Amino acid sequence: MDVSKHPIAIDHVPAFITAPGQTDILFNFVIVFLICMIFAVGTLYLRLHALPEQMAHRTNKVQLQVVAVLALIALFTHNQLFWIAALLLAMIELPNFITPVTSMAKSLNRIARSTYVPQNYPPASAPAAQQSASPMPAPVAETVAKPAETAQPQAAQDGNSSHNPDPSGEKQ
């Protein structure tokens, strides 16, 4: 088959123009290039949306879950405000309040169950003469409250267990 030029055609034809019935190499190259670029842009888009989650992996579990949900909502709704919130939340280090509170609760529980009595401190059933001879001076409030404390056991024996803060023993 003899391929002749059209009379209006120029002498120099660009290389991307193919003869009739021939394979268009440029078209095939562009198709492959576009498919590769679509996959590359899609991968970049998904990695960008996963960036807050990757940053939040060094934080605690609750913060990671909140960031992951925000990033997923941003991915499906195309509302970038959720993604920005997820990114900011992933960047901020939230303080851990649970560990100190748990430690305090364990310590208080240990103190409540302990039977430790200091060696310098006299027992509660010791007479007042021995308590005044102890090396630790008694506070002023304790010496004023002594008559009321001695009146309380008698009131408890009589069946009256109400607390009477008046040192004279009179009821109000």
N, C-alpha and C. Protein backbone atom coordinates (compact mmCIF):
# COMPACT_ATOMS: atom_id res chain seq x y z
N MET A 1 0.84 -1.16 0.00
CA MET A 1 0.00 0.00 0.00
C MET A 1 0.89 1.23 0.00
N ASP A 2 0.64 2.04 -0.96
CA ASP A 2 1.44 3.25 -1.11
C ASP A 2 0.77 4.38 -0.36
N VAL A 3 1.51 4.96 0.58
CA VAL A 3 0.98 6.07 1.38
C VAL A 3 1.50 7.35 0.74
N SER A 4 0.61 8.12 0.20
CA SER A 4 1.02 9.39 -0.40
C SER A 4 0.57 10.53 0.50
N LYS A 5 1.31 11.61 0.39
CA LYS A 5 0.99 12.78 1.20
C LYS A 5 -0.15 13.54 0.57
N HIS A 6 -0.84 14.20 1.42
CA HIS A 6 -1.90 15.08 0.95
C HIS A 6 -1.24 16.30 0.33
N PRO A 7 -1.83 16.87 -0.70
CA PRO A 7 -1.18 18.00 -1.36
C PRO A 7 -1.05 19.23 -0.48
N ILE A 8 -1.92 19.38 0.55
CA ILE A 8 -1.82 20.57 1.40
C ILE A 8 -0.84 20.34 2.55
N ALA A 9 -0.44 19.12 2.88
CA ALA A 9 0.42 18.80 4.00
C ALA A 9 1.80 19.40 3.81
N ILE A 10 2.41 19.74 4.92
CA ILE A 10 3.76 20.29 4.87
C ILE A 10 4.77 19.16 4.72
N ASP A 11 5.99 19.51 4.40
CA ASP A 11 7.03 18.50 4.19
C ASP A 11 7.48 17.86 5.50
N HIS A 12 7.53 18.67 6.54
CA HIS A 12 7.99 18.13 7.82
C HIS A 12 6.78 17.89 8.73
N VAL A 13 6.48 16.64 9.03
CA VAL A 13 5.36 16.27 9.90
C VAL A 13 5.95 15.91 11.26
N PRO A 14 5.33 16.43 12.37
CA PRO A 14 5.86 16.07 13.71
C PRO A 14 5.81 14.57 13.94
N ALA A 15 6.64 14.10 14.86
CA ALA A 15 6.79 12.66 15.10
C ALA A 15 5.57 12.05 15.75
N PHE A 16 4.77 12.85 16.52
CA PHE A 16 3.62 12.28 17.22
C PHE A 16 2.43 12.04 16.30
N ILE A 17 2.49 12.51 15.08
CA ILE A 17 1.41 12.27 14.11
C ILE A 17 1.74 10.97 13.40
N THR A 18 0.80 10.05 13.48
CA THR A 18 1.04 8.73 12.89
C THR A 18 0.30 8.61 11.55
N ALA A 19 0.76 7.70 10.82
CA ALA A 19 0.12 7.42 9.52
C ALA A 19 -1.19 6.68 9.77
N PRO A 20 -2.12 6.76 8.84
CA PRO A 20 -3.38 6.05 9.03
C PRO A 20 -3.14 4.55 9.16
N GLY A 21 -3.85 3.95 10.19
CA GLY A 21 -3.74 2.51 10.42
C GLY A 21 -2.57 2.12 11.30
N GLN A 22 -1.73 3.06 11.73
CA GLN A 22 -0.58 2.77 12.58
C GLN A 22 -0.96 2.99 14.06
N THR A 23 -0.20 2.40 14.98
CA THR A 23 -0.43 2.56 16.42
C THR A 23 0.05 3.93 16.86
N ASP A 24 -0.80 4.59 17.64
CA ASP A 24 -0.45 5.92 18.16
C ASP A 24 0.34 5.74 19.47
N ILE A 25 1.63 5.84 19.38
CA ILE A 25 2.53 5.62 20.53
C ILE A 25 2.31 6.71 21.58
N LEU A 26 2.17 7.94 21.20
CA LEU A 26 1.99 9.03 22.16
C LEU A 26 0.69 8.85 22.95
N PHE A 27 -0.36 8.45 22.27
CA PHE A 27 -1.64 8.22 22.96
C PHE A 27 -1.50 7.11 24.00
N ASN A 28 -0.85 6.02 23.64
CA ASN A 28 -0.65 4.92 24.59
C ASN A 28 0.21 5.35 25.78
N PHE A 29 1.25 6.12 25.52
CA PHE A 29 2.10 6.62 26.60
C PHE A 29 1.32 7.53 27.55
N VAL A 30 0.49 8.41 26.99
CA VAL A 30 -0.29 9.33 27.82
C VAL A 30 -1.30 8.56 28.68
N ILE A 31 -1.92 7.53 28.13
CA ILE A 31 -2.88 6.72 28.89
C ILE A 31 -2.18 6.05 30.07
N VAL A 32 -1.05 5.42 29.83
CA VAL A 32 -0.29 4.75 30.92
C VAL A 32 0.16 5.78 31.94
N PHE A 33 0.65 6.92 31.48
CA PHE A 33 1.10 7.99 32.39
C PHE A 33 -0.06 8.50 33.25
N LEU A 34 -1.24 8.71 32.68
CA LEU A 34 -2.39 9.18 33.44
C LEU A 34 -2.85 8.16 34.48
N ILE A 35 -2.86 6.90 34.12
CA ILE A 35 -3.26 5.86 35.09
C ILE A 35 -2.27 5.83 36.26
N CYS A 36 -0.99 5.91 35.96
CA CYS A 36 0.03 5.93 37.03
C CYS A 36 -0.11 7.17 37.90
N MET A 37 -0.38 8.32 37.30
CA MET A 37 -0.54 9.56 38.07
C MET A 37 -1.80 9.53 38.94
N ILE A 38 -2.87 8.91 38.44
CA ILE A 38 -4.10 8.80 39.24
C ILE A 38 -3.82 7.95 40.48
N PHE A 39 -3.10 6.84 40.31
CA PHE A 39 -2.75 6.02 41.47
C PHE A 39 -1.81 6.76 42.43
N ALA A 40 -0.86 7.50 41.89
CA ALA A 40 0.09 8.24 42.74
C ALA A 40 -0.62 9.35 43.53
N VAL A 41 -1.50 10.09 42.86
CA VAL A 41 -2.24 11.16 43.55
C VAL A 41 -3.19 10.57 44.58
N GLY A 42 -3.84 9.45 44.26
CA GLY A 42 -4.72 8.78 45.22
C GLY A 42 -3.97 8.29 46.44
N THR A 43 -2.79 7.73 46.22
CA THR A 43 -1.96 7.27 47.34
C THR A 43 -1.52 8.45 48.19
N LEU A 44 -1.11 9.53 47.55
CA LEU A 44 -0.70 10.73 48.29
C LEU A 44 -1.87 11.30 49.10
N TYR A 45 -3.06 11.30 48.50
CA TYR A 45 -4.25 11.81 49.17
C TYR A 45 -4.59 10.97 50.40
N LEU A 46 -4.54 9.65 50.25
CA LEU A 46 -4.84 8.78 51.39
C LEU A 46 -3.76 8.86 52.47
N ARG A 47 -2.51 9.00 52.07
CA ARG A 47 -1.44 9.16 53.07
C ARG A 47 -1.56 10.49 53.80
N LEU A 48 -1.97 11.51 53.08
CA LEU A 48 -2.16 12.81 53.71
C LEU A 48 -3.31 12.76 54.71
N HIS A 49 -4.36 12.04 54.38
CA HIS A 49 -5.48 11.91 55.32
C HIS A 49 -5.11 11.03 56.51
N ALA A 50 -4.15 10.14 56.38
CA ALA A 50 -3.72 9.29 57.48
C ALA A 50 -2.62 9.94 58.32
N LEU A 51 -2.16 11.11 57.93
CA LEU A 51 -1.07 11.79 58.66
C LEU A 51 -1.42 12.06 60.12
N PRO A 52 -2.62 12.58 60.46
CA PRO A 52 -2.92 12.78 61.88
C PRO A 52 -2.90 11.48 62.68
N GLU A 53 -3.37 10.39 62.09
CA GLU A 53 -3.36 9.11 62.80
C GLU A 53 -1.93 8.65 63.05
N GLN A 54 -1.06 8.82 62.07
CA GLN A 54 0.33 8.41 62.25
C GLN A 54 1.01 9.26 63.31
N MET A 55 0.66 10.54 63.38
CA MET A 55 1.24 11.40 64.40
C MET A 55 0.70 11.05 65.79
N ALA A 56 -0.54 10.59 65.87
CA ALA A 56 -1.18 10.30 67.16
C ALA A 56 -0.77 8.95 67.72
N HIS A 57 -0.03 8.15 67.00
CA HIS A 57 0.38 6.83 67.50
C HIS A 57 1.29 6.94 68.72
N ARG A 58 1.93 8.07 68.93
CA ARG A 58 2.81 8.22 70.10
C ARG A 58 2.05 8.73 71.32
N THR A 59 0.75 9.00 71.17
CA THR A 59 -0.04 9.49 72.28
C THR A 59 -0.81 8.35 72.92
N ASN A 60 -1.69 8.69 73.85
CA ASN A 60 -2.47 7.64 74.52
C ASN A 60 -3.58 7.12 73.62
N LYS A 61 -4.21 6.04 74.05
CA LYS A 61 -5.16 5.32 73.21
C LYS A 61 -6.41 6.14 72.90
N VAL A 62 -6.93 6.85 73.88
CA VAL A 62 -8.16 7.62 73.67
C VAL A 62 -7.93 8.72 72.64
N GLN A 63 -6.81 9.41 72.76
CA GLN A 63 -6.50 10.48 71.81
C GLN A 63 -6.33 9.91 70.40
N LEU A 64 -5.70 8.75 70.28
CA LEU A 64 -5.53 8.12 68.97
C LEU A 64 -6.88 7.78 68.36
N GLN A 65 -7.81 7.27 69.16
CA GLN A 65 -9.12 6.91 68.63
C GLN A 65 -9.90 8.13 68.17
N VAL A 66 -9.83 9.22 68.93
CA VAL A 66 -10.54 10.45 68.54
C VAL A 66 -9.95 11.00 67.25
N VAL A 67 -8.64 11.02 67.14
CA VAL A 67 -7.98 11.51 65.93
C VAL A 67 -8.34 10.63 64.73
N ALA A 68 -8.38 9.32 64.92
CA ALA A 68 -8.71 8.41 63.83
C ALA A 68 -10.14 8.63 63.35
N VAL A 69 -11.06 8.83 64.27
CA VAL A 69 -12.46 9.07 63.88
C VAL A 69 -12.58 10.40 63.13
N LEU A 70 -11.92 11.44 63.60
CA LEU A 70 -11.98 12.73 62.92
C LEU A 70 -11.39 12.64 61.51
N ALA A 71 -10.28 11.93 61.36
CA ALA A 71 -9.67 11.79 60.04
C ALA A 71 -10.57 10.99 59.10
N LEU A 72 -11.24 9.97 59.63
CA LEU A 72 -12.14 9.18 58.81
C LEU A 72 -13.37 9.98 58.38
N ILE A 73 -13.90 10.78 59.28
CA ILE A 73 -15.03 11.65 58.93
C ILE A 73 -14.61 12.65 57.85
N ALA A 74 -13.41 13.20 57.99
CA ALA A 74 -12.92 14.15 56.99
C ALA A 74 -12.74 13.48 55.63
N LEU A 75 -12.32 12.21 55.64
CA LEU A 75 -12.11 11.50 54.38
C LEU A 75 -13.43 11.25 53.66
N PHE A 76 -14.47 10.87 54.39
CA PHE A 76 -15.74 10.53 53.75
C PHE A 76 -16.63 11.73 53.46
N THR A 77 -16.52 12.79 54.26
CA THR A 77 -17.39 13.94 54.04
C THR A 77 -16.73 15.03 53.21
N HIS A 78 -15.45 14.94 53.00
CA HIS A 78 -14.67 15.97 52.30
C HIS A 78 -14.77 17.33 52.99
N ASN A 79 -15.02 17.30 54.28
CA ASN A 79 -15.05 18.51 55.08
C ASN A 79 -13.69 18.60 55.78
N GLN A 80 -12.85 19.47 55.30
CA GLN A 80 -11.47 19.51 55.76
C GLN A 80 -11.32 20.09 57.17
N LEU A 81 -12.39 20.64 57.70
CA LEU A 81 -12.33 21.14 59.08
C LEU A 81 -12.08 20.00 60.05
N PHE A 82 -12.66 18.83 59.79
CA PHE A 82 -12.43 17.66 60.64
C PHE A 82 -10.97 17.22 60.57
N TRP A 83 -10.38 17.29 59.38
CA TRP A 83 -8.99 16.89 59.21
C TRP A 83 -8.07 17.84 59.94
N ILE A 84 -8.36 19.14 59.86
CA ILE A 84 -7.54 20.12 60.58
C ILE A 84 -7.66 19.92 62.09
N ALA A 85 -8.88 19.62 62.56
CA ALA A 85 -9.06 19.36 64.00
C ALA A 85 -8.29 18.10 64.41
N ALA A 86 -8.31 17.08 63.58
CA ALA A 86 -7.57 15.85 63.88
C ALA A 86 -6.07 16.12 63.90
N LEU A 87 -5.59 16.92 62.97
CA LEU A 87 -4.17 17.24 62.92
C LEU A 87 -3.74 18.04 64.15
N LEU A 88 -4.53 19.02 64.54
CA LEU A 88 -4.20 19.81 65.72
C LEU A 88 -4.26 18.96 66.99
N LEU A 89 -5.25 18.08 67.07
CA LEU A 89 -5.36 17.21 68.24
C LEU A 89 -4.20 16.22 68.31
N ALA A 90 -3.72 15.78 67.16
CA ALA A 90 -2.58 14.87 67.14
C ALA A 90 -1.29 15.58 67.53
N MET A 91 -1.19 16.88 67.24
CA MET A 91 0.03 17.64 67.56
C MET A 91 0.10 18.01 69.04
N ILE A 92 -1.06 18.14 69.68
CA ILE A 92 -1.09 18.58 71.07
C ILE A 92 -0.95 17.37 71.98
N GLU A 93 -0.08 17.48 72.96
CA GLU A 93 0.10 16.41 73.95
C GLU A 93 -0.86 16.66 75.10
N LEU A 94 -1.92 15.84 75.16
CA LEU A 94 -2.89 15.98 76.24
C LEU A 94 -2.31 15.42 77.53
N PRO A 95 -2.50 16.11 78.66
CA PRO A 95 -1.95 15.60 79.91
C PRO A 95 -2.67 14.33 80.35
N ASN A 96 -1.94 13.48 81.04
CA ASN A 96 -2.50 12.22 81.52
C ASN A 96 -2.96 12.42 82.96
N PHE A 97 -4.28 12.55 83.15
CA PHE A 97 -4.83 12.76 84.48
C PHE A 97 -5.11 11.45 85.19
N ILE A 98 -5.25 10.38 84.47
CA ILE A 98 -5.66 9.11 85.06
C ILE A 98 -4.55 8.52 85.93
N THR A 99 -3.31 8.57 85.48
CA THR A 99 -2.22 7.94 86.23
C THR A 99 -2.02 8.57 87.60
N PRO A 100 -1.93 9.90 87.76
CA PRO A 100 -1.76 10.45 89.11
C PRO A 100 -2.95 10.18 90.02
N VAL A 101 -4.15 10.24 89.48
CA VAL A 101 -5.34 10.00 90.31
C VAL A 101 -5.36 8.54 90.75
N THR A 102 -5.02 7.62 89.87
CA THR A 102 -4.96 6.21 90.24
C THR A 102 -3.89 5.97 91.29
N SER A 103 -2.75 6.61 91.15
CA SER A 103 -1.68 6.48 92.14
C SER A 103 -2.11 7.01 93.50
N MET A 104 -2.82 8.15 93.52
CA MET A 104 -3.30 8.69 94.78
C MET A 104 -4.33 7.77 95.42
N ALA A 105 -5.20 7.19 94.61
CA ALA A 105 -6.22 6.29 95.14
C ALA A 105 -5.58 5.04 95.74
N LYS A 106 -4.57 4.50 95.06
CA LYS A 106 -3.87 3.33 95.61
C LYS A 106 -3.16 3.67 96.91
N SER A 107 -2.52 4.84 96.96
CA SER A 107 -1.81 5.24 98.18
C SER A 107 -2.79 5.45 99.33
N LEU A 108 -3.90 6.11 99.07
CA LEU A 108 -4.90 6.31 100.13
C LEU A 108 -5.49 4.98 100.60
N ASN A 109 -5.69 4.07 99.69
CA ASN A 109 -6.20 2.75 100.06
C ASN A 109 -5.18 2.02 100.93
N ARG A 110 -3.91 2.12 100.58
CA ARG A 110 -2.85 1.49 101.37
C ARG A 110 -2.77 2.11 102.76
N ILE A 111 -2.92 3.44 102.85
CA ILE A 111 -2.89 4.12 104.14
C ILE A 111 -4.09 3.71 104.99
N ALA A 112 -5.25 3.60 104.37
CA ALA A 112 -6.46 3.24 105.11
C ALA A 112 -6.39 1.83 105.67
N ARG A 113 -5.71 0.93 104.99
CA ARG A 113 -5.61 -0.45 105.45
C ARG A 113 -4.42 -0.69 106.37
N SER A 114 -3.51 0.25 106.48
CA SER A 114 -2.30 0.02 107.28
C SER A 114 -2.62 0.11 108.77
N THR A 115 -1.82 -0.58 109.57
CA THR A 115 -1.96 -0.55 111.04
C THR A 115 -0.70 0.05 111.65
N TYR A 116 -0.05 0.91 110.97
CA TYR A 116 1.20 1.51 111.44
C TYR A 116 0.91 2.49 112.56
N VAL A 117 1.64 2.34 113.67
CA VAL A 117 1.56 3.27 114.79
C VAL A 117 2.97 3.75 115.06
N PRO A 118 3.20 5.06 115.06
CA PRO A 118 4.56 5.56 115.31
C PRO A 118 5.03 5.14 116.69
N GLN A 119 6.33 4.92 116.87
CA GLN A 119 6.88 4.47 118.14
C GLN A 119 6.92 5.59 119.18
N ASN A 120 7.06 6.84 118.80
CA ASN A 120 7.14 7.96 119.75
C ASN A 120 5.77 8.35 120.27
N TYR A 121 4.74 7.93 119.60
CA TYR A 121 3.40 8.38 119.93
C TYR A 121 2.78 7.43 120.94
N PRO A 122 2.27 7.94 122.06
CA PRO A 122 1.70 7.03 123.07
C PRO A 122 0.37 6.46 122.59
N PRO A 123 -0.02 5.31 123.09
CA PRO A 123 -1.30 4.73 122.68
C PRO A 123 -2.47 5.58 123.15
N ALA A 124 -3.62 5.40 122.56
CA ALA A 124 -4.79 6.22 122.87
C ALA A 124 -5.33 5.94 124.26
N SER A 125 -5.08 4.75 124.84
CA SER A 125 -5.62 4.41 126.15
C SER A 125 -4.69 4.82 127.29
N ALA A 126 -3.57 5.47 127.01
CA ALA A 126 -2.63 5.88 128.06
C ALA A 126 -3.21 7.02 128.87
N PRO A 127 -2.93 7.09 130.17
CA PRO A 127 -3.42 8.19 131.00
C PRO A 127 -2.85 9.53 130.57
N ALA A 128 -3.51 10.59 130.99
CA ALA A 128 -3.11 11.95 130.61
C ALA A 128 -1.74 12.30 131.16
N ALA A 129 -1.33 11.73 132.26
CA ALA A 129 -0.02 12.02 132.85
C ALA A 129 1.08 11.51 131.95
N GLN A 130 0.91 10.32 131.38
CA GLN A 130 1.93 9.79 130.48
C GLN A 130 1.96 10.57 129.16
N GLN A 131 0.80 11.04 128.70
CA GLN A 131 0.77 11.80 127.45
C GLN A 131 1.50 13.12 127.61
N SER A 132 1.40 13.76 128.77
CA SER A 132 2.09 15.03 128.95
C SER A 132 3.58 14.81 129.09
N ALA A 133 4.01 13.60 129.46
CA ALA A 133 5.43 13.32 129.61
C ALA A 133 6.07 12.91 128.30
N SER A 134 5.32 12.79 127.24
CA SER A 134 5.87 12.37 125.95
C SER A 134 6.76 13.49 125.39
N PRO A 135 7.73 13.12 124.56
CA PRO A 135 8.64 14.14 124.03
C PRO A 135 7.96 15.12 123.10
N MET A 136 6.81 14.78 122.53
CA MET A 136 6.13 15.69 121.63
C MET A 136 5.16 16.55 122.43
N PRO A 137 5.25 17.88 122.33
CA PRO A 137 4.33 18.74 123.08
C PRO A 137 2.92 18.62 122.50
N ALA A 138 1.94 18.65 123.38
CA ALA A 138 0.54 18.54 122.95
C ALA A 138 0.08 19.88 122.42
N PRO A 139 -0.70 19.90 121.35
CA PRO A 139 -1.22 21.17 120.83
C PRO A 139 -2.23 21.77 121.80
N VAL A 140 -2.41 23.07 121.67
CA VAL A 140 -3.30 23.80 122.56
C VAL A 140 -4.74 23.33 122.38
N ALA A 141 -5.16 23.06 121.17
CA ALA A 141 -6.54 22.63 120.91
C ALA A 141 -6.82 21.29 121.58
N GLU A 142 -5.80 20.41 121.69
CA GLU A 142 -6.00 19.10 122.29
C GLU A 142 -6.20 19.23 123.80
N THR A 143 -5.48 20.16 124.44
CA THR A 143 -5.63 20.30 125.88
C THR A 143 -6.98 20.92 126.22
N VAL A 144 -7.51 21.77 125.40
CA VAL A 144 -8.82 22.37 125.65
C VAL A 144 -9.91 21.32 125.44
N ALA A 145 -9.73 20.41 124.51
CA ALA A 145 -10.75 19.43 124.18
C ALA A 145 -10.77 18.25 125.13
N LYS A 146 -9.82 18.12 126.07
CA LYS A 146 -9.75 16.98 126.98
C LYS A 146 -11.00 16.84 127.85
N PRO A 147 -11.53 17.88 128.49
CA PRO A 147 -12.73 17.66 129.31
C PRO A 147 -13.91 17.16 128.48
N ALA A 148 -14.06 17.63 127.26
CA ALA A 148 -15.17 17.18 126.43
C ALA A 148 -14.99 15.72 126.04
N GLU A 149 -13.73 15.29 125.83
CA GLU A 149 -13.46 13.90 125.48
C GLU A 149 -13.77 12.98 126.64
N THR A 150 -13.50 13.42 127.85
CA THR A 150 -13.80 12.57 129.00
C THR A 150 -15.29 12.53 129.26
N ALA A 151 -16.01 13.55 128.87
CA ALA A 151 -17.46 13.55 129.07
C ALA A 151 -18.16 12.68 128.03
N GLN A 152 -17.57 12.50 126.90
CA GLN A 152 -18.21 11.71 125.85
C GLN A 152 -18.37 10.25 126.21
N PRO A 153 -17.40 9.55 126.79
CA PRO A 153 -17.63 8.15 127.10
C PRO A 153 -18.77 7.96 128.09
N GLN A 154 -18.93 8.88 129.05
CA GLN A 154 -20.03 8.75 130.00
C GLN A 154 -21.37 8.93 129.28
N ALA A 155 -21.43 9.87 128.35
CA ALA A 155 -22.68 10.09 127.60
C ALA A 155 -22.98 8.90 126.72
N ALA A 156 -21.94 8.27 126.17
CA ALA A 156 -22.14 7.09 125.33
C ALA A 156 -22.64 5.93 126.17
N GLN A 157 -22.18 5.82 127.46
CA GLN A 157 -22.65 4.74 128.32
C GLN A 157 -24.09 4.96 128.71
N ASP A 158 -24.53 6.22 128.85
CA ASP A 158 -25.91 6.52 129.20
C ASP A 158 -26.86 6.30 128.03
N GLY A 159 -26.34 6.04 126.85
CA GLY A 159 -27.18 5.83 125.68
C GLY A 159 -27.31 7.09 124.84
N ASN A 160 -26.74 8.20 125.26
CA ASN A 160 -26.80 9.45 124.51
C ASN A 160 -25.49 9.58 123.74
N SER A 161 -25.54 9.45 122.42
CA SER A 161 -24.31 9.48 121.62
C SER A 161 -24.15 10.78 120.86
N SER A 162 -24.87 11.82 121.25
CA SER A 162 -24.73 13.10 120.54
C SER A 162 -23.44 13.76 120.98
N HIS A 163 -22.81 14.45 120.03
CA HIS A 163 -21.54 15.12 120.30
C HIS A 163 -21.83 16.46 120.93
N ASN A 164 -21.19 16.73 122.05
CA ASN A 164 -21.38 18.00 122.75
C ASN A 164 -20.06 18.75 122.71
N PRO A 165 -19.92 19.77 121.85
CA PRO A 165 -18.64 20.46 121.76
C PRO A 165 -18.38 21.40 122.93
N ASP A 166 -19.36 21.65 123.80
CA ASP A 166 -19.19 22.58 124.93
C ASP A 166 -18.39 21.87 126.03
N PRO A 167 -17.21 22.42 126.45
CA PRO A 167 -16.39 21.76 127.45
C PRO A 167 -17.06 21.69 128.82
N SER A 168 -18.05 22.51 129.13
CA SER A 168 -18.66 22.50 130.44
C SER A 168 -19.61 21.33 130.59
N GLY A 169 -20.00 20.65 129.50
CA GLY A 169 -20.85 19.49 129.58
C GLY A 169 -22.32 19.82 129.50
N GLU A 170 -22.66 21.09 129.41
CA GLU A 170 -24.08 21.46 129.35
C GLU A 170 -24.62 21.21 127.95
N LYS A 171 -25.88 20.78 127.89
CA LYS A 171 -26.52 20.55 126.61
C LYS A 171 -27.18 21.82 126.14
N GLN A 172 -27.19 22.02 124.87
CA GLN A 172 -27.77 23.26 124.31
C GLN A 172 -29.15 23.00 123.80
